[in-house]
Amino acid sequence: MRRRTIMRRREVGERRSGGPWAAAQEKLELAREMRASPTSTERQLWEALRRSALGFKFRRQHVIAGYVVDFYCPACRLAIEVDGPSHDVRTELDERRDAHLTRLGVTVLRFSDARVNADRSRVLREIRQRCLAADPR
């Protein structure tokens, strides 16, 4: 079933060129590349989030409204961003991005690399608390 869906997407992608479809395909490809080469901090956090370890299913490098978020929980509509040094110079861009996602009903949690590395258990508790507060179950 999944193979057919992928094949259909490829066929449709070959027929359409340019426009929003091409931009969306580029974002999906970027997310795929980012999943293949995560930072060490992202890798460590993913090990703690994967397989519903917190009781919630997370996706990594997920595309939402043209943005690639590091981790996303669809049930809680929670996006988690792990910010390395490159984010120090792009705070305005990150703020616009977060505001856009918030307007779409997605809560964005940002953690610095240093914080995740220094106190991962506290970061995970905060993520779990946000999920429990947002979960409609």
C-alpha atoms as a PDB file:
ATOM      1  CA  MET A   1       0.000   0.000   0.000  1.00  0.00           C
ATOM      2  CA  ARG A   2       2.696   2.488   0.990  1.00  0.00           C
ATOM      3  CA  ARG A   3       4.749   1.650  -2.095  1.00  0.00           C
ATOM      4  CA  ARG A   4       1.779   2.510  -4.336  1.00  0.00           C
ATOM      5  CA  THR A   5       1.339   5.876  -2.633  1.00  0.00           C
ATOM      6  CA  ILE A   6       5.001   6.703  -3.120  1.00  0.00           C
ATOM      7  CA  MET A   7       4.831   5.645  -6.756  1.00  0.00           C
ATOM      8  CA  ARG A   8       1.744   7.802  -7.346  1.00  0.00           C
ATOM      9  CA  ARG A   9       3.466  10.795  -5.779  1.00  0.00           C
ATOM     10  CA  ARG A  10       6.468  10.298  -8.017  1.00  0.00           C
ATOM     11  CA  GLU A  11       4.260  10.025 -11.105  1.00  0.00           C
ATOM     12  CA  VAL A  12       2.362  13.173 -10.174  1.00  0.00           C
ATOM     13  CA  GLY A  13       5.631  14.930  -9.350  1.00  0.00           C
ATOM     14  CA  GLU A  14       7.005  14.099 -12.775  1.00  0.00           C
ATOM     15  CA  ARG A  15       3.940  15.536 -14.479  1.00  0.00           C
ATOM     16  CA  ARG A  16       3.994  18.762 -12.494  1.00  0.00           C
ATOM     17  CA  SER A  17       6.992  21.011 -12.517  1.00  0.00           C
ATOM     18  CA  GLY A  18       7.506  24.263 -10.675  1.00  0.00           C
ATOM     19  CA  GLY A  19       5.009  26.018  -8.444  1.00  0.00           C
ATOM     20  CA  PRO A  20       3.947  25.002  -4.961  1.00  0.00           C
ATOM     21  CA  TRP A  21       4.230  21.283  -5.704  1.00  0.00           C
ATOM     22  CA  ALA A  22       7.948  21.614  -6.479  1.00  0.00           C
ATOM     23  CA  ALA A  23       8.513  23.717  -3.345  1.00  0.00           C
ATOM     24  CA  ALA A  24       6.751  21.106  -1.219  1.00  0.00           C
ATOM     25  CA  GLN A  25       8.818  18.341  -2.796  1.00  0.00           C
ATOM     26  CA  GLU A  26      11.999  20.300  -2.034  1.00  0.00           C
ATOM     27  CA  LYS A  27      10.978  20.616   1.642  1.00  0.00           C
ATOM     28  CA  LEU A  28      10.263  16.885   1.842  1.00  0.00           C
ATOM     29  CA  GLU A  29      13.656  16.138   0.333  1.00  0.00           C
ATOM     30  CA  LEU A  30      15.338  18.544   2.769  1.00  0.00           C
ATOM     31  CA  ALA A  31      13.586  16.824   5.690  1.00  0.00           C
ATOM     32  CA  ARG A  32      14.743  13.438   4.388  1.00  0.00           C
ATOM     33  CA  GLU A  33      18.337  14.680   4.213  1.00  0.00           C
ATOM     34  CA  MET A  34      18.098  16.149   7.716  1.00  0.00           C
ATOM     35  CA  ARG A  35      16.806  12.822   9.075  1.00  0.00           C
ATOM     36  CA  ALA A  36      19.814  11.106   7.528  1.00  0.00           C
ATOM     37  CA  SER A  37      22.328  13.441   9.178  1.00  0.00           C
ATOM     38  CA  PRO A  38      21.045  14.658  12.568  1.00  0.00           C
ATOM     39  CA  THR A  39      23.199  16.593  15.013  1.00  0.00           C
ATOM     40  CA  SER A  40      24.448  14.614  17.995  1.00  0.00           C
ATOM     41  CA  THR A  41      21.977  16.418  20.276  1.00  0.00           C
ATOM     42  CA  GLU A  42      19.061  15.674  17.933  1.00  0.00           C
ATOM     43  CA  ARG A  43      20.143  12.039  17.779  1.00  0.00           C
ATOM     44  CA  GLN A  44      20.216  11.779  21.588  1.00  0.00           C
ATOM     45  CA  LEU A  45      16.839  13.454  22.000  1.00  0.00           C
ATOM     46  CA  TRP A  46      15.333  11.259  19.277  1.00  0.00           C
ATOM     47  CA  GLU A  47      16.501   8.146  21.126  1.00  0.00           C
ATOM     48  CA  ALA A  48      14.504   9.370  24.135  1.00  0.00           C
ATOM     49  CA  LEU A  49      11.391  10.299  22.094  1.00  0.00           C
ATOM     50  CA  ARG A  50      11.166   7.446  19.608  1.00  0.00           C
ATOM     51  CA  ARG A  51       8.917   4.429  19.935  1.00  0.00           C
ATOM     52  CA  SER A  52       6.478   6.425  22.078  1.00  0.00           C
ATOM     53  CA  ALA A  53       8.848   6.357  25.056  1.00  0.00           C
ATOM     54  CA  LEU A  54       6.992   9.307  26.635  1.00  0.00           C
ATOM     55  CA  GLY A  55       3.605   7.819  25.791  1.00  0.00           C
ATOM     56  CA  PHE A  56       3.223   9.941  22.652  1.00  0.00           C
ATOM     57  CA  LYS A  57       4.275   9.308  19.068  1.00  0.00           C
ATOM     58  CA  PHE A  58       6.791  11.760  17.635  1.00  0.00           C
ATOM     59  CA  ARG A  59       8.043  12.292  14.100  1.00  0.00           C
ATOM     60  CA  ARG A  60      11.429  13.763  13.355  1.00  0.00           C
ATOM     61  CA  GLN A  61      12.221  16.366  10.724  1.00  0.00           C
ATOM     62  CA  HIS A  62       8.553  16.809   9.919  1.00  0.00           C
ATOM     63  CA  VAL A  63       7.292  19.378   7.381  1.00  0.00           C
ATOM     64  CA  ILE A  64       4.512  21.718   8.566  1.00  0.00           C
ATOM     65  CA  ALA A  65       3.335  24.624   6.418  1.00  0.00           C
ATOM     66  CA  GLY A  66       6.595  24.743   4.507  1.00  0.00           C
ATOM     67  CA  TYR A  67       8.786  24.566   7.625  1.00  0.00           C
ATOM     68  CA  VAL A  68      10.832  21.577   8.772  1.00  0.00           C
ATOM     69  CA  VAL A  69      10.564  21.092  12.543  1.00  0.00           C
ATOM     70  CA  ASP A  70      13.021  18.868  14.412  1.00  0.00           C
ATOM     71  CA  PHE A  71      10.343  16.803  16.199  1.00  0.00           C
ATOM     72  CA  TYR A  72       6.553  16.817  16.002  1.00  0.00           C
ATOM     73  CA  CYS A  73       3.807  15.105  17.984  1.00  0.00           C
ATOM     74  CA  PRO A  74       0.606  15.096  15.886  1.00  0.00           C
ATOM     75  CA  ALA A  75      -1.666  14.112  18.802  1.00  0.00           C
ATOM     76  CA  CYS A  76      -0.526  17.118  20.856  1.00  0.00           C
ATOM     77  CA  ARG A  77       0.197  19.449  17.924  1.00  0.00           C
ATOM     78  CA  LEU A  78       3.572  20.051  19.547  1.00  0.00           C
ATOM     79  CA  ALA A  79       6.731  20.945  17.626  1.00  0.00           C
ATOM     80  CA  ILE A  80      10.118  20.714  19.315  1.00  0.00           C
ATOM     81  CA  GLU A  81      13.126  22.612  18.057  1.00  0.00           C
ATOM     82  CA  VAL A  82      16.701  21.981  19.178  1.00  0.00           C
ATOM     83  CA  ASP A  83      18.658  25.169  18.607  1.00  0.00           C
ATOM     84  CA  GLY A  84      22.375  25.097  17.975  1.00  0.00           C
ATOM     85  CA  PRO A  85      24.700  28.087  17.619  1.00  0.00           C
ATOM     86  CA  SER A  86      23.352  28.944  14.142  1.00  0.00           C
ATOM     87  CA  HIS A  87      20.066  30.039  15.721  1.00  0.00           C
ATOM     88  CA  ASP A  88      21.784  32.828  17.675  1.00  0.00           C
ATOM     89  CA  VAL A  89      21.926  34.960  14.520  1.00  0.00           C
ATOM     90  CA  ARG A  90      18.492  34.060  13.147  1.00  0.00           C
ATOM     91  CA  THR A  91      16.224  34.869  16.074  1.00  0.00           C
ATOM     92  CA  GLU A  92      13.915  37.087  13.995  1.00  0.00           C
ATOM     93  CA  LEU A  93      13.390  34.323  11.432  1.00  0.00           C
ATOM     94  CA  ASP A  94      12.713  31.802  14.210  1.00  0.00           C
ATOM     95  CA  GLU A  95      10.193  34.160  15.842  1.00  0.00           C
ATOM     96  CA  ARG A  96       8.284  34.610  12.561  1.00  0.00           C
ATOM     97  CA  ARG A  97       8.302  30.872  11.991  1.00  0.00           C
ATOM     98  CA  ASP A  98       7.044  30.156  15.518  1.00  0.00           C
ATOM     99  CA  ALA A  99       4.307  32.777  15.164  1.00  0.00           C
ATOM    100  CA  HIS A 100       3.136  31.229  11.891  1.00  0.00           C
ATOM    101  CA  LEU A 101       3.047  27.734  13.404  1.00  0.00           C
ATOM    102  CA  THR A 102       1.212  29.073  16.470  1.00  0.00           C
ATOM    103  CA  ARG A 103      -1.454  30.610  14.224  1.00  0.00           C
ATOM    104  CA  LEU A 104      -1.912  27.122  12.761  1.00  0.00           C
ATOM    105  CA  GLY A 105      -2.498  25.711  16.254  1.00  0.00           C
ATOM    106  CA  VAL A 106       0.954  24.178  16.714  1.00  0.00           C
ATOM    107  CA  THR A 107       2.784  24.817  19.995  1.00  0.00           C
ATOM    108  CA  VAL A 108       6.522  25.253  19.535  1.00  0.00           C
ATOM    109  CA  LEU A 109       9.008  24.352  22.283  1.00  0.00           C
ATOM    110  CA  ARG A 110      12.596  25.469  21.779  1.00  0.00           C
ATOM    111  CA  PHE A 111      15.557  24.058  23.638  1.00  0.00           C
ATOM    112  CA  SER A 112      19.210  24.951  23.212  1.00  0.00           C
ATOM    113  CA  ASP A 113      21.742  22.231  22.458  1.00  0.00           C
ATOM    114  CA  ALA A 114      23.443  23.048  25.744  1.00  0.00           C
ATOM    115  CA  ARG A 115      20.244  22.617  27.759  1.00  0.00           C
ATOM    116  CA  VAL A 116      19.380  19.277  26.133  1.00  0.00           C
ATOM    117  CA  ASN A 117      22.911  18.002  26.744  1.00  0.00           C
ATOM    118  CA  ALA A 118      23.135  19.298  30.310  1.00  0.00           C
ATOM    119  CA  ASP A 119      19.693  18.303  31.599  1.00  0.00           C
ATOM    120  CA  ARG A 120      17.967  15.938  29.179  1.00  0.00           C
ATOM    121  CA  SER A 121      15.702  14.443  31.853  1.00  0.00           C
ATOM    122  CA  ARG A 122      14.245  17.864  32.712  1.00  0.00           C
ATOM    123  CA  VAL A 123      13.740  18.635  29.011  1.00  0.00           C
ATOM    124  CA  LEU A 124      11.909  15.322  28.572  1.00  0.00           C
ATOM    125  CA  ARG A 125       9.709  16.034  31.602  1.00  0.00           C
ATOM    126  CA  GLU A 126       8.783  19.418  30.147  1.00  0.00           C
ATOM    127  CA  ILE A 127       7.932  17.835  26.781  1.00  0.00           C
ATOM    128  CA  ARG A 128       5.792  15.177  28.480  1.00  0.00           C
ATOM    129  CA  GLN A 129       3.963  17.784  30.586  1.00  0.00           C
ATOM    130  CA  ARG A 130       3.159  19.819  27.466  1.00  0.00           C
ATOM    131  CA  CYS A 131       1.877  16.706  25.731  1.00  0.00           C
ATOM    132  CA  LEU A 132      -0.300  15.728  28.692  1.00  0.00           C
ATOM    133  CA  ALA A 133      -1.736  19.243  28.886  1.00  0.00           C
ATOM    134  CA  ALA A 134      -2.499  19.330  25.151  1.00  0.00           C
ATOM    135  CA  ASP A 135      -3.644  15.735  24.593  1.00  0.00           C
ATOM    136  CA  PRO A 136      -7.377  15.591  23.789  1.00  0.00           C
ATOM    137  CA  ARG A 137      -7.725  11.956  24.937  1.00  0.00           C
END
